[in-house]
C-alpha cells in the first residue's frame, strides 16, 4: 500500500503565496505539434545567439559529427567538398614541416 502525502492549503494564504501557485496543464502533443514547438523554440534560441556563439556551436556540432564518422566516410565528405582537400589536409597533419612546431602561427 502506497502512502500519499497530503498537505492542506494554507487557509490564510498571502497574495505572494497565491501568485506562486500555477495550474499546470499537461498537454499531450501530437508528433506534428511537438515538431512545430521545437521549430519555434529553436528559432527563438538561434535568434538570441551572437554570431560568435553560432559559429562555435556549428563547429562543435560538425566536429562531433565527423568524430563519429568512419575514416572512409570522413574522406568521402571532405572530397565531396573539394576533391583535393583531403590529400592536402592529410599532408598538413602528417608533414612535420607543415606543423606549427614553434607555436607562432606559421610565421618564421
PDB file of N, CA and C in Angstrom:
ATOM      1  N   UNK A   1       0.831  -1.172   0.000  1.00  0.00           N
ATOM      2  CA  UNK A   1       0.000   0.000   0.000  1.00  0.00           C
ATOM      3  C   UNK A   1       0.882   1.244   0.000  1.00  0.00           C
ATOM      4  N   UNK A   2       0.620   2.164  -0.898  1.00  0.00           N
ATOM      5  CA  UNK A   2       1.396   3.385  -1.018  1.00  0.00           C
ATOM      6  C   UNK A   2       0.755   4.483  -0.187  1.00  0.00           C
ATOM      7  N   UNK A   3       1.562   5.143   0.619  1.00  0.00           N
ATOM      8  CA  UNK A   3       1.063   6.271   1.408  1.00  0.00           C
ATOM      9  C   UNK A   3       1.132   7.523   0.546  1.00  0.00           C
ATOM     10  N   UNK A   4       0.111   8.355   0.679  1.00  0.00           N
ATOM     11  CA  UNK A   4       0.096   9.608  -0.061  1.00  0.00           C
ATOM     12  C   UNK A   4       0.317  10.746   0.920  1.00  0.00           C
ATOM     13  N   UNK A   5       1.121  11.668   0.538  1.00  0.00           N
ATOM     14  CA  UNK A   5       1.393  12.834   1.351  1.00  0.00           C
ATOM     15  C   UNK A   5       0.325  13.866   1.042  1.00  0.00           C
ATOM     16  N   UNK A   6      -0.352  14.339   2.070  1.00  0.00           N
ATOM     17  CA  UNK A   6      -1.381  15.341   1.882  1.00  0.00           C
ATOM     18  C   UNK A   6      -1.042  16.551   2.725  1.00  0.00           C
ATOM     19  N   UNK A   7      -0.859  17.665   2.052  1.00  0.00           N
ATOM     20  CA  UNK A   7      -0.588  18.917   2.751  1.00  0.00           C
ATOM     21  C   UNK A   7      -1.740  19.850   2.410  1.00  0.00           C
ATOM     22  N   UNK A   8      -2.538  20.208   3.403  1.00  0.00           N
ATOM     23  CA  UNK A   8      -3.674  21.088   3.116  1.00  0.00           C
ATOM     24  C   UNK A   8      -3.201  22.484   2.734  1.00  0.00           C
ATOM     25  N   UNK A   9      -4.002  23.168   1.935  1.00  0.00           N
ATOM     26  CA  UNK A   9      -3.682  24.532   1.535  1.00  0.00           C
ATOM     27  C   UNK A   9      -3.744  25.449   2.736  1.00  0.00           C
ATOM     28  N   UNK A  10      -2.920  26.446   2.745  1.00  0.00           N
ATOM     29  CA  UNK A  10      -2.903  27.432   3.824  1.00  0.00           C
ATOM     30  C   UNK A  10      -4.181  28.262   3.739  1.00  0.00           C
ATOM     31  N   UNK A  11      -5.061  28.204   4.746  1.00  0.00           N
ATOM     32  CA  UNK A  11      -6.316  28.953   4.682  1.00  0.00           C
ATOM     33  C   UNK A  11      -6.092  30.465   4.752  1.00  0.00           C
ATOM     34  N   UNK A  12      -4.948  30.890   5.254  1.00  0.00           N
ATOM     35  CA  UNK A  12      -4.632  32.313   5.351  1.00  0.00           C
ATOM     36  C   UNK A  12      -3.504  32.680   4.382  1.00  0.00           C
ATOM     37  N   UNK A  13      -3.602  32.218   3.154  1.00  0.00           N
ATOM     38  CA  UNK A  13      -2.533  32.438   2.181  1.00  0.00           C
ATOM     39  C   UNK A  13      -2.381  33.911   1.866  1.00  0.00           C
ATOM     40  N   UNK A  14      -1.141  34.332   1.716  1.00  0.00           N
ATOM     41  CA  UNK A  14      -0.860  35.714   1.323  1.00  0.00           C
ATOM     42  C   UNK A  14      -0.958  35.814  -0.186  1.00  0.00           C
ATOM     43  N   UNK A  15      -0.991  37.030  -0.686  1.00  0.00           N
ATOM     44  CA  UNK A  15      -1.049  37.215  -2.137  1.00  0.00           C
ATOM     45  C   UNK A  15       0.139  36.565  -2.826  1.00  0.00           C
ATOM     46  N   UNK A  16       1.344  36.678  -2.231  1.00  0.00           N
ATOM     47  CA  UNK A  16       2.517  36.100  -2.873  1.00  0.00           C
ATOM     48  C   UNK A  16       2.408  34.583  -2.941  1.00  0.00           C
ATOM     49  N   UNK A  17       1.833  33.967  -1.921  1.00  0.00           N
ATOM     50  CA  UNK A  17       1.642  32.513  -1.961  1.00  0.00           C
ATOM     51  C   UNK A  17       0.624  32.148  -3.029  1.00  0.00           C
ATOM     52  N   UNK A  18      -0.419  32.941  -3.148  1.00  0.00           N
ATOM     53  CA  UNK A  18      -1.433  32.667  -4.167  1.00  0.00           C
ATOM     54  C   UNK A  18      -0.860  32.899  -5.559  1.00  0.00           C
ATOM     55  N   UNK A  19      -0.058  33.971  -5.707  1.00  0.00           N
ATOM     56  CA  UNK A  19       0.538  34.269  -7.001  1.00  0.00           C
ATOM     57  C   UNK A  19       1.515  33.176  -7.437  1.00  0.00           C
ATOM     58  N   UNK A  20       2.147  32.518  -6.474  1.00  0.00           N
ATOM     59  CA  UNK A  20       3.138  31.498  -6.788  1.00  0.00           C
ATOM     60  C   UNK A  20       2.489  30.206  -7.261  1.00  0.00           C
ATOM     61  N   UNK A  21       1.213  30.050  -7.002  1.00  0.00           N
ATOM     62  CA  UNK A  21       0.532  28.822  -7.420  1.00  0.00           C
ATOM     63  C   UNK A  21       0.181  28.942  -8.898  1.00  0.00           C
ATOM     64  N   UNK A  22       0.482  27.916  -9.611  1.00  0.00           N
ATOM     65  CA  UNK A  22       0.248  27.916 -11.044  1.00  0.00           C
ATOM     66  C   UNK A  22      -0.427  26.608 -11.413  1.00  0.00           C
ATOM     67  N   UNK A  23      -1.457  26.707 -12.187  1.00  0.00           N
ATOM     68  CA  UNK A  23      -2.129  25.498 -12.648  1.00  0.00           C
ATOM     69  C   UNK A  23      -1.320  24.937 -13.806  1.00  0.00           C
ATOM     70  N   UNK A  24      -0.925  23.697 -13.655  1.00  0.00           N
ATOM     71  CA  UNK A  24      -0.108  23.052 -14.673  1.00  0.00           C
ATOM     72  C   UNK A  24      -1.012  22.179 -15.530  1.00  0.00           C
ATOM     73  N   UNK A  25      -1.015  22.472 -16.804  1.00  0.00           N
ATOM     74  CA  UNK A  25      -1.780  21.663 -17.748  1.00  0.00           C
ATOM     75  C   UNK A  25      -0.813  20.754 -18.484  1.00  0.00           C
ATOM     76  N   UNK A  26      -0.935  19.484 -18.295  1.00  0.00           N
ATOM     77  CA  UNK A  26      -0.085  18.532 -19.009  1.00  0.00           C
ATOM     78  C   UNK A  26      -0.774  18.179 -20.316  1.00  0.00           C
ATOM     79  N   UNK A  27      -0.377  18.876 -21.358  1.00  0.00           N
ATOM     80  CA  UNK A  27      -0.985  18.697 -22.667  1.00  0.00           C
ATOM     81  C   UNK A  27      -0.200  17.644 -23.428  1.00  0.00           C
ATOM     82  N   UNK A  28      -0.881  16.689 -23.968  1.00  0.00           N
ATOM     83  CA  UNK A  28      -0.243  15.691 -24.813  1.00  0.00           C
ATOM     84  C   UNK A  28      -0.201  16.233 -26.233  1.00  0.00           C
ATOM     85  N   UNK A  29       0.995  16.422 -26.754  1.00  0.00           N
ATOM     86  CA  UNK A  29       1.166  16.955 -28.099  1.00  0.00           C
ATOM     87  C   UNK A  29       1.251  15.830 -29.112  1.00  0.00           C
ATOM     88  N   UNK A  30       0.723  16.080 -30.286  1.00  0.00           N
ATOM     89  CA  UNK A  30       0.934  15.134 -31.383  1.00  0.00           C
ATOM     90  C   UNK A  30       2.378  15.306 -31.844  1.00  0.00           C
ATOM     91  N   UNK A  31       2.877  14.371 -32.621  1.00  0.00           N
ATOM     92  CA  UNK A  31       4.258  14.498 -33.095  1.00  0.00           C
ATOM     93  C   UNK A  31       4.403  15.731 -33.984  1.00  0.00           C
ATOM     94  N   UNK A  32       3.378  16.078 -34.724  1.00  0.00           N
ATOM     95  CA  UNK A  32       3.413  17.268 -35.569  1.00  0.00           C
ATOM     96  C   UNK A  32       3.468  18.540 -34.710  1.00  0.00           C
ATOM     97  N   UNK A  33       2.662  18.576 -33.644  1.00  0.00           N
ATOM     98  CA  UNK A  33       2.677  19.719 -32.731  1.00  0.00           C
ATOM     99  C   UNK A  33       4.018  19.824 -32.016  1.00  0.00           C
ATOM    100  N   UNK A  34       4.572  18.692 -31.612  1.00  0.00           N
ATOM    101  CA  UNK A  34       5.872  18.693 -30.937  1.00  0.00           C
ATOM    102  C   UNK A  34       6.958  19.214 -31.869  1.00  0.00           C
ATOM    103  N   UNK A  35       6.924  18.775 -33.125  1.00  0.00           N
ATOM    104  CA  UNK A  35       7.896  19.258 -34.110  1.00  0.00           C
ATOM    105  C   UNK A  35       7.779  20.769 -34.291  1.00  0.00           C
ATOM    106  N   UNK A  36       6.548  21.281 -34.345  1.00  0.00           N
ATOM    107  CA  UNK A  36       6.332  22.722 -34.504  1.00  0.00           C
ATOM    108  C   UNK A  36       6.821  23.478 -33.280  1.00  0.00           C
ATOM    109  N   UNK A  37       6.560  22.938 -32.089  1.00  0.00           N
ATOM    110  CA  UNK A  37       7.035  23.545 -30.847  1.00  0.00           C
ATOM    111  C   UNK A  37       8.561  23.631 -30.862  1.00  0.00           C
ATOM    112  N   UNK A  38       9.215  22.541 -31.261  1.00  0.00           N
ATOM    113  CA  UNK A  38      10.676  22.506 -31.340  1.00  0.00           C
ATOM    114  C   UNK A  38      11.173  23.532 -32.349  1.00  0.00           C
ATOM    115  N   UNK A  39      10.543  23.592 -33.526  1.00  0.00           N
ATOM    116  CA  UNK A  39      10.949  24.562 -34.546  1.00  0.00           C
ATOM    117  C   UNK A  39      10.870  25.992 -34.017  1.00  0.00           C
ATOM    118  N   UNK A  40       9.775  26.305 -33.323  1.00  0.00           N
ATOM    119  CA  UNK A  40       9.604  27.658 -32.788  1.00  0.00           C
ATOM    120  C   UNK A  40      10.645  27.956 -31.710  1.00  0.00           C
ATOM    121  N   UNK A  41      10.901  26.995 -30.829  1.00  0.00           N
ATOM    122  CA  UNK A  41      11.884  27.202 -29.767  1.00  0.00           C
ATOM    123  C   UNK A  41      13.287  27.361 -30.340  1.00  0.00           C
ATOM    124  N   UNK A  42      13.643  26.529 -31.308  1.00  0.00           N
ATOM    125  CA  UNK A  42      14.967  26.615 -31.940  1.00  0.00           C
ATOM    126  C   UNK A  42      15.151  27.986 -32.590  1.00  0.00           C
ATOM    127  N   UNK A  43      14.114  28.478 -33.238  1.00  0.00           N
ATOM    128  CA  UNK A  43      14.203  29.796 -33.862  1.00  0.00           C
ATOM    129  C   UNK A  43      14.459  30.882 -32.814  1.00  0.00           C
ATOM    130  N   UNK A  44      13.781  30.786 -31.671  1.00  0.00           N
ATOM    131  CA  UNK A  44      13.983  31.759 -30.593  1.00  0.00           C
ATOM    132  C   UNK A  44      15.412  31.677 -30.060  1.00  0.00           C
ATOM    133  N   UNK A  45      15.904  30.451 -29.826  1.00  0.00           N
ATOM    134  CA  UNK A  45      17.256  30.280 -29.298  1.00  0.00           C
ATOM    135  C   UNK A  45      18.293  30.830 -30.269  1.00  0.00           C
ATOM    136  N   UNK A  46      18.149  30.497 -31.551  1.00  0.00           N
ATOM    137  CA  UNK A  46      19.108  30.939 -32.566  1.00  0.00           C
ATOM    138  C   UNK A  46      19.063  32.461 -32.718  1.00  0.00           C
ATOM    139  N   UNK A  47      17.862  33.037 -32.698  1.00  0.00           N
ATOM    140  CA  UNK A  47      17.733  34.493 -32.812  1.00  0.00           C
ATOM    141  C   UNK A  47      18.447  35.219 -31.681  1.00  0.00           C
ATOM    142  N   UNK A  48      18.574  34.565 -30.538  1.00  0.00           N
ATOM    143  CA  UNK A  48      19.188  35.199 -29.378  1.00  0.00           C
ATOM    144  C   UNK A  48      20.672  34.855 -29.218  1.00  0.00           C
ATOM    145  N   UNK A  49      21.246  34.150 -30.187  1.00  0.00           N
ATOM    146  CA  UNK A  49      22.663  33.808 -30.136  1.00  0.00           C
ATOM    147  C   UNK A  49      23.462  34.840 -30.921  1.00  0.00           C
ATOM    148  N   UNK A  50      24.653  35.123 -30.429  1.00  0.00           N
ATOM    149  CA  UNK A  50      25.548  36.015 -31.170  1.00  0.00           C
ATOM    150  C   UNK A  50      26.139  35.242 -32.354  1.00  0.00           C
ATOM    151  N   UNK A  51      26.708  35.982 -33.280  1.00  0.00           N
ATOM    152  CA  UNK A  51      27.352  35.336 -34.436  1.00  0.00           C
ATOM    153  C   UNK A  51      28.473  34.415 -33.968  1.00  0.00           C
ATOM    154  N   UNK A  52      29.241  34.873 -32.983  1.00  0.00           N
ATOM    155  CA  UNK A  52      30.337  34.065 -32.441  1.00  0.00           C
ATOM    156  C   UNK A  52      29.804  32.772 -31.822  1.00  0.00           C
ATOM    157  N   UNK A  53      28.701  32.871 -31.083  1.00  0.00           N
ATOM    158  CA  UNK A  53      28.101  31.681 -30.467  1.00  0.00           C
ATOM    159  C   UNK A  53      27.608  30.706 -31.526  1.00  0.00           C
ATOM    160  N   UNK A  54      27.009  31.236 -32.584  1.00  0.00           N
ATOM    161  CA  UNK A  54      26.530  30.380 -33.673  1.00  0.00           C
ATOM    162  C   UNK A  54      27.676  29.646 -34.341  1.00  0.00           C
ATOM    163  N   UNK A  55      28.773  30.360 -34.558  1.00  0.00           N
ATOM    164  CA  UNK A  55      29.944  29.746 -35.197  1.00  0.00           C
ATOM    165  C   UNK A  55      30.516  28.650 -34.304  1.00  0.00           C
ATOM    166  N   UNK A  56      30.683  28.953 -33.017  1.00  0.00           N
ATOM    167  CA  UNK A  56      31.215  27.952 -32.082  1.00  0.00           C
ATOM    168  C   UNK A  56      30.304  26.728 -32.016  1.00  0.00           C
ATOM    169  N   UNK A  57      29.000  26.954 -31.980  1.00  0.00           N
ATOM    170  CA  UNK A  57      28.044  25.845 -31.916  1.00  0.00           C
ATOM    171  C   UNK A  57      28.136  24.982 -33.177  1.00  0.00           C
ATOM    172  N   UNK A  58      28.196  25.639 -34.324  1.00  0.00           N
ATOM    173  CA  UNK A  58      28.301  24.895 -35.584  1.00  0.00           C
ATOM    174  C   UNK A  58      29.585  24.074 -35.618  1.00  0.00           C
ATOM    175  N   UNK A  59      30.691  24.667 -35.168  1.00  0.00           N
ATOM    176  CA  UNK A  59      31.966  23.948 -35.149  1.00  0.00           C
ATOM    177  C   UNK A  59      31.896  22.733 -34.224  1.00  0.00           C
ATOM    178  N   UNK A  60      31.308  22.897 -33.046  1.00  0.00           N
ATOM    179  CA  UNK A  60      31.183  21.787 -32.097  1.00  0.00           C
ATOM    180  C   UNK A  60      30.340  20.661 -32.679  1.00  0.00           C
ATOM    181  N   UNK A  61      29.222  21.022 -33.310  1.00  0.00           N
ATOM    182  CA  UNK A  61      28.332  20.014 -33.884  1.00  0.00           C
ATOM    183  C   UNK A  61      29.000  19.279 -35.037  1.00  0.00           C
ATOM    184  N   UNK A  62      29.693  20.014 -35.892  1.00  0.00           N
ATOM    185  CA  UNK A  62      30.382  19.382 -37.022  1.00  0.00           C
ATOM    186  C   UNK A  62      31.510  18.476 -36.533  1.00  0.00           C
ATOM    187  N   UNK A  63      32.266  18.935 -35.542  1.00  0.00           N
ATOM    188  CA  UNK A  63      33.356  18.113 -35.005  1.00  0.00           C
ATOM    189  C   UNK A  63      32.788  16.834 -34.397  1.00  0.00           C
ATOM    190  N   UNK A  64      31.700  16.965 -33.656  1.00  0.00           N
ATOM    191  CA  UNK A  64      31.061  15.792 -33.060  1.00  0.00           C
ATOM    192  C   UNK A  64      30.587  14.825 -34.149  1.00  0.00           C
ATOM    193  N   UNK A  65      30.002  15.367 -35.214  1.00  0.00           N
ATOM    194  CA  UNK A  65      29.524  14.532 -36.314  1.00  0.00           C
ATOM    195  C   UNK A  65      30.679  13.812 -36.996  1.00  0.00           C
ATOM    196  N   UNK A  66      31.729  14.564 -37.349  1.00  0.00           N
ATOM    197  CA  UNK A  66      32.845  13.959 -38.077  1.00  0.00           C
ATOM    198  C   UNK A  66      33.667  13.015 -37.209  1.00  0.00           C
ATOM    199  N   UNK A  67      33.691  13.230 -35.904  1.00  0.00           N
ATOM    200  CA  UNK A  67      34.394  12.319 -34.997  1.00  0.00           C
ATOM    201  C   UNK A  67      33.761  10.933 -35.019  1.00  0.00           C
ATOM    202  N   UNK A  68      32.448  10.893 -35.242  1.00  0.00           N
ATOM    203  CA  UNK A  68      31.717   9.614 -35.246  1.00  0.00           C
ATOM    204  C   UNK A  68      31.781   8.913 -36.606  1.00  0.00           C
ATOM    205  N   UNK A  69      32.248   9.621 -37.632  1.00  0.00           N
ATOM    206  CA  UNK A  69      32.323   9.037 -38.973  1.00  0.00           C
ATOM    207  C   UNK A  69      33.471   8.035 -39.072  1.00  0.00           C
ATOM    208  N   UNK A  70      33.314   7.078 -39.960  1.00  0.00           N
ATOM    209  CA  UNK A  70      34.437   6.196 -40.274  1.00  0.00           C
ATOM    210  C   UNK A  70      35.443   7.000 -41.092  1.00  0.00           C
ATOM    211  N   UNK A  71      36.678   6.508 -41.178  1.00  0.00           N
ATOM    212  CA  UNK A  71      37.693   7.195 -41.988  1.00  0.00           C
ATOM    213  C   UNK A  71      37.242   7.323 -43.439  1.00  0.00           C
ATOM    214  N   UNK A  72      36.602   6.286 -43.933  1.00  0.00           N
ATOM    215  CA  UNK A  72      36.128   6.290 -45.316  1.00  0.00           C
ATOM    216  C   UNK A  72      35.042   7.349 -45.518  1.00  0.00           C
ATOM    217  N   UNK A  73      34.106   7.437 -44.580  1.00  0.00           N
ATOM    218  CA  UNK A  73      33.043   8.441 -44.687  1.00  0.00           C
ATOM    219  C   UNK A  73      33.614   9.859 -44.570  1.00  0.00           C
ATOM    220  N   UNK A  74      34.562  10.031 -43.660  1.00  0.00           N
ATOM    221  CA  UNK A  74      35.202  11.334 -43.492  1.00  0.00           C
ATOM    222  C   UNK A  74      35.901  11.754 -44.778  1.00  0.00           C
ATOM    223  N   UNK A  75      36.659  10.820 -45.347  1.00  0.00           N
ATOM    224  CA  UNK A  75      37.355  11.106 -46.599  1.00  0.00           C
ATOM    225  C   UNK A  75      36.356  11.458 -47.692  1.00  0.00           C
ATOM    226  N   UNK A  76      35.279  10.698 -47.769  1.00  0.00           N
ATOM    227  CA  UNK A  76      34.257  10.956 -48.791  1.00  0.00           C
ATOM    228  C   UNK A  76      33.617  12.327 -48.640  1.00  0.00           C
ATOM    229  N   UNK A  77      33.301  12.708 -47.408  1.00  0.00           N
ATOM    230  CA  UNK A  77      32.697  14.027 -47.167  1.00  0.00           C
ATOM    231  C   UNK A  77      33.650  15.151 -47.543  1.00  0.00           C
ATOM    232  N   UNK A  78      34.928  15.003 -47.164  1.00  0.00           N
ATOM    233  CA  UNK A  78      35.915  16.047 -47.481  1.00  0.00           C
ATOM    234  C   UNK A  78      36.109  16.142 -48.986  1.00  0.00           C
ATOM    235  N   UNK A  79      36.215  15.002 -49.671  1.00  0.00           N
ATOM    236  CA  UNK A  79      36.422  15.014 -51.118  1.00  0.00           C
ATOM    237  C   UNK A  79      35.186  15.521 -51.855  1.00  0.00           C
ATOM    238  N   UNK A  80      34.007  15.328 -51.274  1.00  0.00           N
ATOM    239  CA  UNK A  80      32.788  15.869 -51.864  1.00  0.00           C
ATOM    240  C   UNK A  80      32.813  17.403 -51.793  1.00  0.00           C
ATOM    241  N   UNK A  81      33.371  17.926 -50.714  1.00  0.00           N
ATOM    242  CA  UNK A  81      33.509  19.378 -50.547  1.00  0.00           C
ATOM    243  C   UNK A  81      34.531  19.934 -51.527  1.00  0.00           C
ATOM    244  N   UNK A  82      35.676  19.245 -51.631  1.00  0.00           N
ATOM    245  CA  UNK A  82      36.756  19.656 -52.537  1.00  0.00           C
ATOM    246  C   UNK A  82      37.607  18.423 -52.802  1.00  0.00           C
ATOM    247  N   UNK A  83      37.724  18.038 -54.058  1.00  0.00           N
ATOM    248  CA  UNK A  83      38.409  16.792 -54.431  1.00  0.00           C
ATOM    249  C   UNK A  83      39.847  16.708 -53.946  1.00  0.00           C
ATOM    250  N   UNK A  84      40.541  17.812 -53.860  1.00  0.00           N
ATOM    251  CA  UNK A  84      41.955  17.807 -53.490  1.00  0.00           C
ATOM    252  C   UNK A  84      42.190  18.098 -52.011  1.00  0.00           C
ATOM    253  N   UNK A  85      41.145  18.481 -51.296  1.00  0.00           N
ATOM    254  CA  UNK A  85      41.307  18.936 -49.916  1.00  0.00           C
ATOM    255  C   UNK A  85      41.744  17.828 -48.962  1.00  0.00           C
ATOM    256  N   UNK A  86      41.229  16.610 -49.138  1.00  0.00           N
ATOM    257  CA  UNK A  86      41.591  15.527 -48.217  1.00  0.00           C
ATOM    258  C   UNK A  86      43.099  15.292 -48.229  1.00  0.00           C
ATOM    259  N   UNK A  87      43.671  15.165 -49.418  1.00  0.00           N
ATOM    260  CA  UNK A  87      45.122  14.925 -49.524  1.00  0.00           C
ATOM    261  C   UNK A  87      45.917  16.076 -48.921  1.00  0.00           C
ATOM    262  N   UNK A  88      45.456  17.306 -49.127  1.00  0.00           N
ATOM    263  CA  UNK A  88      46.143  18.469 -48.567  1.00  0.00           C
ATOM    264  C   UNK A  88      46.081  18.457 -47.033  1.00  0.00           C
ATOM    265  N   UNK A  89      44.911  18.130 -46.483  1.00  0.00           N
ATOM    266  CA  UNK A  89      44.766  18.099 -45.024  1.00  0.00           C
ATOM    267  C   UNK A  89      45.573  16.967 -44.409  1.00  0.00           C
ATOM    268  N   UNK A  90      45.600  15.816 -45.071  1.00  0.00           N
ATOM    269  CA  UNK A  90      46.418  14.697 -44.576  1.00  0.00           C
ATOM    270  C   UNK A  90      47.880  15.105 -44.587  1.00  0.00           C
ATOM    271  N   UNK A  91      48.311  15.783 -45.647  1.00  0.00           N
ATOM    272  CA  UNK A  91      49.695  16.261 -45.706  1.00  0.00           C
ATOM    273  C   UNK A  91      49.968  17.248 -44.568  1.00  0.00           C
ATOM    274  N   UNK A  92      49.000  18.121 -44.268  1.00  0.00           N
ATOM    275  CA  UNK A  92      49.161  19.093 -43.177  1.00  0.00           C
ATOM    276  C   UNK A  92      49.376  18.415 -41.835  1.00  0.00           C
ATOM    277  N   UNK A  93      48.623  17.360 -41.568  1.00  0.00           N
ATOM    278  CA  UNK A  93      48.704  16.743 -40.242  1.00  0.00           C
ATOM    279  C   UNK A  93      49.796  15.692 -40.135  1.00  0.00           C
ATOM    280  N   UNK A  94      50.370  15.277 -41.263  1.00  0.00           N
ATOM    281  CA  UNK A  94      51.409  14.252 -41.200  1.00  0.00           C
ATOM    282  C   UNK A  94      52.800  14.784 -41.518  1.00  0.00           C
ATOM    283  N   UNK A  95      52.904  15.933 -42.113  1.00  0.00           N
ATOM    284  CA  UNK A  95      54.181  16.505 -42.514  1.00  0.00           C
ATOM    285  C   UNK A  95      54.662  17.450 -41.426  1.00  0.00           C
ATOM    286  N   UNK A  96      55.773  17.118 -40.794  1.00  0.00           N
ATOM    287  CA  UNK A  96      56.294  17.918 -39.683  1.00  0.00           C
ATOM    288  C   UNK A  96      56.652  19.335 -40.091  1.00  0.00           C
ATOM    289  N   UNK A  97      57.023  19.546 -41.343  1.00  0.00           N
ATOM    290  CA  UNK A  97      57.403  20.900 -41.753  1.00  0.00           C
ATOM    291  C   UNK A  97      56.179  21.801 -41.869  1.00  0.00           C
ATOM    292  N   UNK A  98      55.024  21.202 -42.033  1.00  0.00           N
ATOM    293  CA  UNK A  98      53.801  21.982 -42.139  1.00  0.00           C
ATOM    294  C   UNK A  98      53.253  22.306 -40.747  1.00  0.00           C
ATOM    295  N   UNK A  99      53.516  21.436 -39.782  1.00  0.00           N
ATOM    296  CA  UNK A  99      53.025  21.659 -38.428  1.00  0.00           C
ATOM    297  C   UNK A  99      53.680  22.891 -37.825  1.00  0.00           C
ATOM    298  N   UNK A 100      52.954  23.580 -36.989  1.00  0.00           N
ATOM    299  CA  UNK A 100      53.458  24.794 -36.353  1.00  0.00           C
ATOM    300  C   UNK A 100      54.210  24.431 -35.086  1.00  0.00           C
ATOM    301  N   UNK A 101      55.404  23.899 -35.250  1.00  0.00           N
ATOM    302  CA  UNK A 101      56.174  23.424 -34.097  1.00  0.00           C
ATOM    303  C   UNK A 101      56.649  24.559 -33.215  1.00  0.00           C
ATOM    304  N   UNK A 102      56.796  25.764 -33.776  1.00  0.00           N
ATOM    305  CA  UNK A 102      57.224  26.912 -32.980  1.00  0.00           C
ATOM    306  C   UNK A 102      56.069  27.615 -32.299  1.00  0.00           C
ATOM    307  N   UNK A 103      54.845  27.159 -32.602  1.00  0.00           N
ATOM    308  CA  UNK A 103      53.648  27.741 -32.000  1.00  0.00           C
ATOM    309  C   UNK A 103      53.582  29.251 -32.226  1.00  0.00           C
ATOM    310  N   UNK A 104      53.874  29.647 -33.472  1.00  0.00           N
ATOM    311  CA  UNK A 104      53.866  31.074 -33.796  1.00  0.00           C
ATOM    312  C   UNK A 104      52.943  31.391 -34.966  1.00  0.00           C
ATOM    313  N   UNK A 105      51.956  30.522 -35.192  1.00  0.00           N
ATOM    314  CA  UNK A 105      51.021  30.763 -36.273  1.00  0.00           C
ATOM    315  C   UNK A 105      51.607  30.546 -37.649  1.00  0.00           C
ATOM    316  N   UNK A 106      52.699  29.803 -37.754  1.00  0.00           N
ATOM    317  CA  UNK A 106      53.319  29.512 -39.033  1.00  0.00           C
ATOM    318  C   UNK A 106      54.271  30.587 -39.521  1.00  0.00           C
ATOM    319  N   UNK A 107      54.476  31.627 -38.704  1.00  0.00           N
ATOM    320  CA  UNK A 107      55.383  32.705 -39.109  1.00  0.00           C
ATOM    321  C   UNK A 107      56.807  32.339 -38.714  1.00  0.00           C
ATOM    322  N   UNK A 108      57.740  32.695 -39.559  1.00  0.00           N
ATOM    323  CA  UNK A 108      59.141  32.378 -39.298  1.00  0.00           C
ATOM    324  C   UNK A 108      59.828  33.520 -38.621  1.00  0.00           C
TER     325      UNK A 108
END
